[in-house]
Amino acid sequence: MFNKVLIANRGEIALRIIRVCKQFGIKTVAVYSQADMDSLHVRFADEAVCIGPPPGKESYLKIPRIIAAAEITNADAIHPGYGFLAENASFAEICASTGIKFIGPSAEMISAMGDKALAKETMKKAGVPVIPGSEGVVKSAGEAIEIAASIGFPVIIKAVAGGGGRGMRVVREPSEMEQALQTAQHEAEQAFGDAGVYIEKFVEQPHHIEIQVFGDQYNNAIHFGERDCSVQRRHQKLIEESPSPFVSDALREQMGEAAIKGCKAVGYENAGTIEFLVDKDRNFYFMEMNTRIQVEHPVTEQVTGHDLVKLQLQVAAGERLPRKKIVQRGHAIECRINAEDPEHNFRPSPGKITDFHMPGGFGVRVDTHSYTGYHVPPYYDSLIAKLIVFAQTRDGAVSKMASALDEFTIEGIKTTIPFHRQVMQDDRFARGTFDTSFLETFQYVPEK
């Protein structure tokens, strides 16, 4: 096992990794921007190194500064968390060349599966159903229009190097293409340092279902079941759950087998998520692979009993994956608590938290880096907490989530807690009869 791990990230995922390292007796190094000097990941790490000013491009995306921080603190491994450099093949390659273990897949695997266009071709060759689209990166509006015409409008533009709804635009007719392409490229450059985008057919009102996978250094691959991530706003996931209320046992088996097939096609190592779009007839299509741990990994942990971040460290250290079949039990739901104002089109709400009280009780978990007095900076993702509940049934999980949201108090800034409360009371959500178009017709009513 490693002696010292540097966490090349911030917020709740950095804290999550620090806690697992402490279980192994591993020393930790936090890196932070000037805006994050009072963050909890800085406080609880054994060492901390400031890597630059607040903007991500000047700090958390600066590879030379992160490598320098690892070298001066004698860290022998780096965990990238999610976002920022987590899916950056150059970063993984530089880590390897300097003798620092990258806790994740190799640079070659990230290139093969993290590059969305190349991943699609890899999956196609492995026999996994894929959505029609461009063969690679699209650079001009003329090229994009030609591809869209061949596969049929509407189409969706996506960032090659990332996810989370950034660098993503739906285009329904040729006249919209040039502006949408420029916007997507700019967003991708700002968020991931890579302006590359590709195009694929836009599947109307699908279900967004993803399979959590793991591979080890011995060409073993397993999956941990599915997560339903269909409650989204502008392609940004807001609520996730496992198992999916839409997926049948037969479909679960088919998608799991396809995901394993995709992993073995590239000899995948460490944590990854293979994302599928599933239409109303339960036909599924490979969408992309995230070559990292996901924001929503806790729901999988709750229903399988496996600590996925712990498993990341074990696999990176050369241990084999568990041989026992992974079994899902019960139901888990996660709500992303964002510093956003649902009354005003979810606009960001940075500022000082004047009161912060977390819910508790059996089957309630909160992953957060926030606290009373914490200043939410305006420079990064607005996620300030993840509320996860577990129950034996889906109805029980929905009821428990509603109760936990009532108890969750955050004052001083606006958050998405009131929005989540209303979703839990929605009949379609309660019945599990929703898809990715759910929020298009959901009516949020400002609370008094």
Protein backbone atom coordinates (compact mmCIF):
# COMPACT_ATOMS: atom_id res chain seq x y z
CA MET A 1 0.00 0.00 0.00
CA PHE A 2 1.06 3.61 -0.51
CA ASN A 3 2.90 5.72 2.06
CA LYS A 4 1.53 9.11 1.07
CA VAL A 5 -1.27 10.12 -1.32
CA LEU A 6 -1.74 13.58 -2.80
CA ILE A 7 -5.37 14.42 -3.61
CA ALA A 8 -5.48 16.51 -6.78
CA ASN A 9 -8.96 17.86 -6.09
CA ARG A 10 -11.09 19.81 -3.65
CA GLY A 11 -14.42 19.71 -1.79
CA GLU A 12 -16.27 16.66 -0.58
CA ILE A 13 -14.45 14.16 -2.83
CA ALA A 14 -11.09 15.28 -1.42
CA LEU A 15 -12.41 14.70 2.11
CA ARG A 16 -13.83 11.33 1.04
CA ILE A 17 -10.40 10.21 -0.16
CA ILE A 18 -8.61 11.53 2.94
CA ARG A 19 -10.91 9.48 5.19
CA VAL A 20 -10.20 6.26 3.29
CA CYS A 21 -6.46 6.92 3.37
CA LYS A 22 -6.62 7.33 7.16
CA GLN A 23 -8.20 3.85 7.40
CA PHE A 24 -5.10 2.45 5.72
CA GLY A 25 -2.73 4.61 7.78
CA ILE A 26 -1.69 6.48 4.63
CA LYS A 27 -0.47 10.08 4.98
CA THR A 28 -2.30 12.63 2.82
CA VAL A 29 -1.43 15.84 0.99
CA ALA A 30 -4.09 18.39 0.06
CA VAL A 31 -3.58 20.89 -2.72
CA TYR A 32 -5.66 24.03 -2.69
CA SER A 33 -6.24 27.33 -4.42
CA GLN A 34 -6.20 30.63 -2.55
CA ALA A 35 -10.03 30.47 -2.48
CA ASP A 36 -9.95 27.12 -0.65
CA MET A 37 -7.51 27.84 2.17
CA ASP A 38 -10.34 27.40 4.73
CA SER A 39 -11.74 24.23 3.16
CA LEU A 40 -12.01 21.11 5.31
CA HIS A 41 -9.85 19.01 2.99
CA VAL A 42 -6.99 21.40 3.78
CA ARG A 43 -7.66 21.15 7.51
CA PHE A 44 -7.83 17.36 7.72
CA ALA A 45 -4.98 16.40 5.38
CA ASP A 46 -1.59 15.76 6.97
CA GLU A 47 0.03 18.35 4.69
CA ALA A 48 -1.30 21.06 2.37
CA VAL A 49 0.23 22.95 -0.54
CA CYS A 50 -1.21 26.08 -2.18
CA ILE A 51 -1.05 25.70 -5.97
CA GLY A 52 -2.34 29.04 -7.20
CA PRO A 53 -5.07 31.66 -7.45
CA PRO A 54 -8.82 30.81 -7.37
CA PRO A 55 -9.64 30.03 -11.04
CA GLY A 56 -9.34 26.30 -11.77
CA LYS A 57 -7.20 26.93 -14.84
CA GLU A 58 -4.67 28.66 -12.61
CA SER A 59 -4.64 26.05 -9.84
CA TYR A 60 -6.41 22.67 -9.97
CA LEU A 61 -5.75 22.30 -13.72
CA LYS A 62 -2.06 23.26 -13.48
CA ILE A 63 -0.28 19.92 -13.89
CA PRO A 64 3.30 21.18 -13.21
CA ARG A 65 2.21 22.68 -9.89
CA ILE A 66 0.48 19.50 -8.77
CA ILE A 67 3.44 17.32 -9.73
CA ALA A 68 5.77 19.75 -7.92
CA ALA A 69 3.58 19.53 -4.81
CA ALA A 70 3.79 15.73 -4.95
CA GLU A 71 7.56 15.81 -5.33
CA ILE A 72 8.28 18.26 -2.50
CA THR A 73 6.03 16.29 -0.11
CA ASN A 74 7.38 12.89 -1.28
CA ALA A 75 3.92 11.59 -2.23
CA ASP A 76 4.12 8.22 -3.97
CA ALA A 77 0.58 8.32 -5.39
CA ILE A 78 -1.98 10.83 -6.64
CA HIS A 79 -5.75 10.42 -6.49
CA PRO A 80 -7.47 12.77 -8.98
CA GLY A 81 -11.03 12.50 -7.60
CA TYR A 82 -13.55 13.53 -10.27
CA GLY A 83 -13.56 16.53 -12.57
CA PHE A 84 -10.48 18.73 -13.12
CA LEU A 85 -7.66 16.35 -14.22
CA ALA A 86 -9.35 13.04 -13.40
CA GLU A 87 -9.75 12.09 -17.06
CA ASN A 88 -6.66 13.81 -18.41
CA ALA A 89 -4.42 11.23 -20.11
CA SER A 90 -1.43 13.60 -20.15
CA PHE A 91 -1.66 13.97 -16.37
CA ALA A 92 -1.75 10.19 -15.88
CA GLU A 93 1.20 9.80 -18.24
CA ILE A 94 3.25 12.46 -16.43
CA CYS A 95 2.52 10.80 -13.09
CA ALA A 96 3.81 7.50 -14.47
CA SER A 97 6.93 9.10 -15.96
CA THR A 98 7.83 10.68 -12.60
CA GLY A 99 7.33 7.45 -10.67
CA ILE A 100 4.10 8.56 -8.98
CA LYS A 101 1.20 6.08 -9.06
CA PHE A 102 -1.94 7.54 -10.62
CA ILE A 103 -4.91 6.05 -8.73
CA GLY A 104 -7.03 5.34 -11.77
CA PRO A 105 -6.63 3.84 -15.23
CA SER A 106 -3.47 4.26 -17.30
CA ALA A 107 -3.01 7.08 -19.80
CA GLU A 108 -3.63 4.60 -22.62
CA MET A 109 -6.93 3.49 -21.09
CA ILE A 110 -8.05 7.07 -20.50
CA SER A 111 -7.27 7.86 -24.13
CA ALA A 112 -9.13 4.78 -25.34
CA MET A 113 -12.22 5.17 -23.16
CA GLY A 114 -12.08 8.71 -21.80
CA ASP A 115 -12.03 10.16 -25.32
CA LYS A 116 -15.75 9.86 -26.04
CA ALA A 117 -15.44 9.44 -29.80
CA LEU A 118 -12.68 6.82 -29.56
CA ALA A 119 -14.56 5.02 -26.76
CA LYS A 120 -17.61 4.76 -28.98
CA GLU A 121 -15.55 3.10 -31.73
CA THR A 122 -13.96 0.75 -29.19
CA MET A 123 -17.36 -0.28 -27.87
CA LYS A 124 -18.71 -0.75 -31.37
CA LYS A 125 -15.87 -3.16 -32.15
CA ALA A 126 -16.58 -5.00 -28.88
CA GLY A 127 -20.18 -5.59 -29.98
CA VAL A 128 -21.85 -3.07 -27.66
CA PRO A 129 -24.77 -1.06 -29.17
CA VAL A 130 -23.78 2.58 -29.85
CA ILE A 131 -25.57 5.78 -30.88
CA PRO A 132 -24.88 6.95 -34.47
CA GLY A 133 -22.59 9.98 -34.66
CA SER A 134 -19.30 11.49 -35.81
CA GLU A 135 -16.20 9.33 -36.16
CA GLY A 136 -14.09 11.76 -34.15
CA VAL A 137 -13.61 15.41 -33.20
CA VAL A 138 -15.71 17.91 -35.15
CA LYS A 139 -13.95 21.23 -35.85
CA SER A 140 -16.24 23.30 -38.09
CA ALA A 141 -19.93 24.12 -38.33
CA GLY A 142 -19.96 22.98 -41.96
CA GLU A 143 -18.60 19.55 -41.02
CA ALA A 144 -21.04 19.35 -38.11
CA ILE A 145 -24.05 20.17 -40.30
CA GLU A 146 -23.00 17.56 -42.85
CA ILE A 147 -22.76 14.86 -40.14
CA ALA A 148 -26.07 15.93 -38.59
CA ALA A 149 -27.80 15.73 -41.96
CA SER A 150 -26.52 12.20 -42.49
CA ILE A 151 -27.77 10.86 -39.13
CA GLY A 152 -30.80 13.17 -38.84
CA PHE A 153 -31.66 16.05 -36.54
CA PRO A 154 -31.85 16.55 -33.59
CA VAL A 155 -28.20 15.94 -32.65
CA ILE A 156 -26.18 16.65 -29.54
CA ILE A 157 -22.71 18.19 -29.34
CA LYS A 158 -20.54 16.78 -26.53
CA ALA A 159 -17.14 17.55 -25.07
CA VAL A 160 -14.56 14.86 -25.82
CA ALA A 161 -12.68 15.36 -22.55
CA GLY A 162 -15.39 15.63 -19.89
CA GLY A 163 -18.96 15.38 -18.70
CA GLY A 164 -21.34 16.92 -16.20
CA GLY A 165 -23.29 18.78 -18.89
CA ARG A 166 -20.38 21.07 -19.77
CA GLY A 167 -19.54 21.49 -23.43
CA MET A 168 -22.88 19.99 -24.38
CA ARG A 169 -25.59 21.44 -26.66
CA VAL A 170 -28.66 20.04 -28.45
CA VAL A 171 -29.09 21.22 -32.04
CA ARG A 172 -32.48 20.77 -33.76
CA GLU A 173 -31.84 22.49 -37.10
CA PRO A 174 -28.84 23.61 -39.22
CA SER A 175 -29.24 27.32 -38.38
CA GLU A 176 -28.48 26.61 -34.70
CA MET A 177 -25.26 24.71 -35.36
CA GLU A 178 -22.58 27.41 -35.57
CA GLN A 179 -23.53 29.16 -32.32
CA ALA A 180 -24.03 25.87 -30.45
CA LEU A 181 -20.70 24.50 -31.65
CA GLN A 182 -18.78 27.62 -30.60
CA THR A 183 -20.47 27.66 -27.18
CA ALA A 184 -19.78 23.96 -26.59
CA GLN A 185 -16.12 24.32 -27.61
CA HIS A 186 -15.65 27.32 -25.33
CA GLU A 187 -17.27 25.55 -22.35
CA ALA A 188 -15.15 22.44 -22.96
CA GLU A 189 -11.96 24.51 -23.08
CA GLN A 190 -12.84 26.34 -19.85
CA ALA A 191 -13.89 23.21 -17.92
CA PHE A 192 -11.41 20.60 -19.18
CA GLY A 193 -8.63 22.45 -20.98
CA ASP A 194 -9.66 20.71 -24.22
CA ALA A 195 -12.01 22.32 -26.76
CA GLY A 196 -12.59 19.08 -28.68
CA VAL A 197 -16.23 18.09 -29.28
CA TYR A 198 -18.07 15.38 -31.19
CA ILE A 199 -21.64 14.86 -32.43
CA GLU A 200 -24.15 12.07 -32.03
CA LYS A 201 -27.84 11.44 -32.62
CA PHE A 202 -30.00 12.88 -29.84
CA VAL A 203 -32.28 10.19 -28.40
CA GLU A 204 -35.50 11.89 -27.28
CA GLN A 205 -36.70 11.32 -23.69
CA PRO A 206 -34.43 8.41 -22.83
CA HIS A 207 -33.53 6.95 -19.46
CA HIS A 208 -29.94 7.63 -18.37
CA ILE A 209 -28.64 4.39 -16.88
CA GLU A 210 -25.03 3.79 -15.93
CA ILE A 211 -23.12 0.69 -14.85
CA GLN A 212 -20.39 0.94 -12.20
CA VAL A 213 -17.41 -1.15 -13.31
CA PHE A 214 -13.99 -2.04 -11.93
CA GLY A 215 -10.96 -3.70 -13.47
CA ASP A 216 -7.70 -4.85 -11.89
CA GLN A 217 -4.13 -5.40 -13.10
CA TYR A 218 -4.87 -9.07 -13.85
CA ASN A 219 -7.49 -8.44 -16.56
CA ASN A 220 -10.36 -9.17 -14.18
CA ALA A 221 -13.46 -6.99 -14.54
CA ILE A 222 -16.66 -6.83 -12.49
CA HIS A 223 -19.69 -4.58 -12.29
CA PHE A 224 -21.63 -3.30 -9.28
CA GLY A 225 -25.06 -2.94 -10.88
CA GLU A 226 -26.72 0.14 -12.28
CA ARG A 227 -27.60 3.67 -11.24
CA ASP A 228 -30.51 5.65 -12.67
CA CYS A 229 -29.45 9.24 -13.34
CA SER A 230 -32.46 10.38 -15.34
CA VAL A 231 -33.40 13.37 -13.16
CA GLN A 232 -31.27 16.00 -14.88
CA ARG A 233 -31.29 19.67 -15.67
CA ARG A 234 -29.36 20.70 -18.78
CA HIS A 235 -27.58 17.32 -18.72
CA GLN A 236 -26.44 17.91 -15.14
CA LYS A 237 -27.49 15.08 -12.84
CA LEU A 238 -29.46 16.17 -9.77
CA ILE A 239 -30.81 12.92 -8.31
CA GLU A 240 -29.42 9.40 -8.68
CA GLU A 241 -30.64 6.06 -7.39
CA SER A 242 -29.85 2.38 -7.38
CA PRO A 243 -31.35 0.11 -8.51
CA SER A 244 -33.26 1.80 -11.35
CA PRO A 245 -37.07 1.61 -11.15
CA PHE A 246 -37.10 1.24 -14.96
CA VAL A 247 -34.53 -1.54 -15.46
CA SER A 248 -35.77 -5.15 -15.52
CA ASP A 249 -33.69 -8.08 -14.31
CA ALA A 250 -33.11 -9.20 -17.91
CA LEU A 251 -32.00 -5.72 -19.01
CA ARG A 252 -29.74 -5.40 -15.95
CA GLU A 253 -27.98 -8.62 -16.94
CA GLN A 254 -27.61 -7.55 -20.59
CA MET A 255 -26.21 -4.12 -19.71
CA GLY A 256 -23.87 -5.59 -17.11
CA GLU A 257 -22.49 -8.09 -19.62
CA ALA A 258 -22.04 -5.32 -22.21
CA ALA A 259 -20.18 -3.16 -19.68
CA ILE A 260 -17.81 -5.98 -18.76
CA LYS A 261 -17.23 -6.66 -22.45
CA GLY A 262 -16.28 -3.01 -22.93
CA CYS A 263 -13.85 -3.09 -19.97
CA LYS A 264 -12.11 -6.21 -21.18
CA ALA A 265 -11.78 -4.78 -24.68
CA VAL A 266 -9.18 -2.32 -23.34
CA GLY A 267 -7.95 -4.26 -20.29
CA TYR A 268 -9.48 -1.58 -18.09
CA GLU A 269 -8.05 -0.96 -14.62
CA ASN A 270 -9.59 0.74 -11.56
CA ALA A 271 -12.99 2.44 -11.24
CA GLY A 272 -15.07 3.46 -14.24
CA THR A 273 -18.65 4.04 -15.24
CA ILE A 274 -20.19 3.00 -18.53
CA GLU A 275 -23.17 5.17 -19.33
CA PHE A 276 -26.08 4.07 -21.48
CA LEU A 277 -29.16 5.72 -22.90
CA VAL A 278 -32.18 3.42 -22.73
CA ASP A 279 -35.23 4.18 -24.86
CA LYS A 280 -38.86 3.54 -23.93
CA ASP A 281 -38.67 0.05 -25.46
CA ARG A 282 -35.65 -0.77 -23.26
CA ASN A 283 -33.16 -0.76 -26.13
CA PHE A 284 -29.85 0.47 -24.74
CA TYR A 285 -27.02 2.37 -26.41
CA PHE A 286 -23.52 3.10 -25.17
CA MET A 287 -23.15 6.82 -24.58
CA GLU A 288 -19.75 7.30 -22.92
CA MET A 289 -17.38 5.99 -20.30
CA ASN A 290 -16.21 8.02 -17.32
CA THR A 291 -12.72 6.80 -16.46
CA ARG A 292 -12.90 7.87 -12.81
CA ILE A 293 -14.98 7.64 -9.65
CA GLN A 294 -18.40 9.29 -10.04
CA VAL A 295 -20.16 11.92 -7.91
CA GLU A 296 -22.99 9.42 -7.40
CA HIS A 297 -20.85 6.45 -6.31
CA PRO A 298 -22.35 6.44 -2.76
CA VAL A 299 -25.69 4.98 -3.93
CA THR A 300 -23.82 1.97 -5.30
CA GLU A 301 -21.88 1.64 -2.05
CA GLN A 302 -25.12 1.64 -0.06
CA VAL A 303 -26.78 -1.17 -2.03
CA THR A 304 -23.67 -3.35 -2.47
CA GLY A 305 -21.86 -2.81 0.83
CA HIS A 306 -18.54 -2.07 -0.93
CA ASP A 307 -16.41 1.05 -0.33
CA LEU A 308 -15.49 2.00 -3.89
CA VAL A 309 -12.80 4.55 -3.00
CA LYS A 310 -11.15 1.97 -0.75
CA LEU A 311 -11.28 -0.48 -3.63
CA GLN A 312 -9.64 2.12 -5.89
CA LEU A 313 -6.65 2.26 -3.58
CA GLN A 314 -6.45 -1.52 -3.25
CA VAL A 315 -6.57 -2.09 -7.01
CA ALA A 316 -4.00 0.67 -7.63
CA ALA A 317 -1.71 -1.03 -5.09
CA GLY A 318 -1.90 -4.29 -7.06
CA GLU A 319 -4.60 -6.19 -5.19
CA ARG A 320 -7.15 -8.36 -7.00
CA LEU A 321 -10.85 -7.58 -7.27
CA PRO A 322 -13.26 -9.49 -5.00
CA ARG A 323 -14.17 -12.89 -6.45
CA LYS A 324 -17.61 -13.12 -4.88
CA LYS A 325 -20.56 -12.05 -7.02
CA ILE A 326 -21.68 -8.50 -6.25
CA VAL A 327 -25.22 -8.52 -4.87
CA GLN A 328 -27.53 -5.51 -4.69
CA ARG A 329 -29.80 -5.21 -1.66
CA GLY A 330 -32.36 -2.53 -0.80
CA HIS A 331 -32.61 0.89 -2.43
CA ALA A 332 -30.52 4.08 -2.24
CA ILE A 333 -31.17 7.62 -3.46
CA GLU A 334 -28.76 10.56 -3.67
CA CYS A 335 -29.73 14.23 -3.92
CA ARG A 336 -27.05 16.70 -4.97
CA ILE A 337 -27.33 19.76 -2.75
CA ASN A 338 -26.05 22.67 -4.83
CA ALA A 339 -25.49 26.31 -3.95
CA GLU A 340 -28.09 27.41 -6.50
CA ASP A 341 -31.36 29.32 -6.39
CA PRO A 342 -34.22 27.20 -7.82
CA GLU A 343 -36.52 30.25 -7.71
CA HIS A 344 -34.32 32.05 -10.25
CA ASN A 345 -33.47 29.40 -12.83
CA PHE A 346 -30.91 27.71 -10.57
CA ARG A 347 -28.48 30.62 -10.72
CA PRO A 348 -25.34 30.15 -8.60
CA SER A 349 -25.57 31.30 -4.98
CA PRO A 350 -22.04 31.65 -3.58
CA GLY A 351 -21.48 33.27 -0.21
CA LYS A 352 -21.17 32.59 3.51
CA ILE A 353 -23.14 29.75 5.12
CA THR A 354 -24.50 31.18 8.38
CA ASP A 355 -26.12 27.97 9.64
CA PHE A 356 -25.47 24.37 8.61
CA HIS A 357 -27.30 21.43 10.20
CA MET A 358 -27.11 17.94 8.67
CA PRO A 359 -29.84 15.30 8.98
CA GLY A 360 -29.04 11.98 10.65
CA GLY A 361 -30.49 8.65 11.67
CA PHE A 362 -30.32 5.09 10.40
CA GLY A 363 -29.69 4.89 6.66
CA VAL A 364 -28.87 8.60 6.24
CA ARG A 365 -25.46 9.71 4.94
CA VAL A 366 -24.13 13.19 4.10
CA ASP A 367 -20.92 13.68 2.12
CA THR A 368 -19.91 17.34 2.39
CA HIS A 369 -17.07 19.80 2.89
CA SER A 370 -19.39 22.56 4.09
CA TYR A 371 -19.97 23.90 7.61
CA THR A 372 -21.33 26.93 9.47
CA GLY A 373 -19.14 29.89 8.52
CA TYR A 374 -17.87 28.31 5.28
CA HIS A 375 -17.66 30.65 2.29
CA VAL A 376 -18.88 28.95 -0.89
CA PRO A 377 -16.54 30.27 -3.62
CA PRO A 378 -17.95 31.33 -7.01
CA TYR A 379 -15.17 29.70 -9.05
CA TYR A 380 -16.07 26.01 -9.04
CA ASP A 381 -18.92 23.53 -9.31
CA SER A 382 -21.82 24.53 -7.05
CA LEU A 383 -22.04 21.14 -5.27
CA ILE A 384 -21.83 21.67 -1.49
CA ALA A 385 -23.23 18.37 -0.17
CA LYS A 386 -24.56 14.97 -1.21
CA LEU A 387 -27.47 13.57 0.78
CA ILE A 388 -27.79 9.80 0.47
CA VAL A 389 -30.44 7.57 2.04
CA PHE A 390 -30.85 3.80 2.14
CA ALA A 391 -33.95 1.70 2.83
CA GLN A 392 -35.16 -1.81 2.07
CA THR A 393 -37.62 -0.59 -0.59
CA ARG A 394 -37.79 2.31 -3.03
CA ASP A 395 -40.92 3.67 -1.32
CA GLY A 396 -39.03 3.57 1.97
CA ALA A 397 -36.07 5.39 0.43
CA VAL A 398 -38.27 8.14 -1.05
CA SER A 399 -39.99 8.63 2.32
CA LYS A 400 -36.66 8.70 4.17
CA MET A 401 -35.21 11.20 1.70
CA ALA A 402 -38.22 13.51 2.16
CA SER A 403 -37.74 13.39 5.93
CA ALA A 404 -33.98 13.99 5.70
CA LEU A 405 -34.49 16.98 3.38
CA ASP A 406 -36.89 18.50 5.91
CA GLU A 407 -34.17 18.24 8.56
CA PHE A 408 -31.34 19.56 6.37
CA THR A 409 -30.80 23.25 7.19
CA ILE A 410 -28.49 25.55 5.23
CA GLU A 411 -28.86 29.30 5.69
CA GLY A 412 -27.05 32.34 4.33
CA ILE A 413 -27.17 31.12 0.72
CA LYS A 414 -29.80 29.60 -1.55
CA THR A 415 -29.67 25.83 -2.14
CA THR A 416 -31.53 23.15 -4.07
CA ILE A 417 -32.99 21.58 -0.90
CA PRO A 418 -36.50 23.02 -1.52
CA PHE A 419 -36.40 21.75 -5.10
CA HIS A 420 -35.51 18.22 -3.96
CA ARG A 421 -38.31 18.29 -1.38
CA GLN A 422 -40.85 18.95 -4.11
CA VAL A 423 -39.42 16.23 -6.39
CA MET A 424 -39.88 13.68 -3.59
CA GLN A 425 -43.57 14.65 -3.48
CA ASP A 426 -44.09 14.37 -7.24
CA ASP A 427 -46.32 11.46 -8.30
CA ARG A 428 -44.20 10.53 -11.32
CA PHE A 429 -41.04 10.38 -9.23
CA ALA A 430 -42.79 8.40 -6.50
CA ARG A 431 -44.02 5.88 -9.10
CA GLY A 432 -40.64 5.74 -10.84
CA THR A 433 -42.26 6.67 -14.17
CA PHE A 434 -39.82 9.36 -15.29
CA ASP A 435 -37.11 9.82 -17.90
CA THR A 436 -34.57 12.54 -18.73
CA SER A 437 -37.39 14.88 -19.82
CA PHE A 438 -38.87 14.84 -16.29
CA LEU A 439 -37.78 18.36 -15.32
CA GLU A 440 -39.05 19.86 -18.59
CA THR A 441 -42.59 19.57 -17.23
CA PHE A 442 -41.86 19.66 -13.49
CA GLN A 443 -43.23 22.83 -11.92
CA TYR A 444 -41.19 24.13 -9.01
CA VAL A 445 -43.27 26.30 -6.67
CA PRO A 446 -41.27 28.77 -4.53
CA GLU A 447 -41.65 27.98 -0.83
CA LYS A 448 -43.03 30.63 1.52
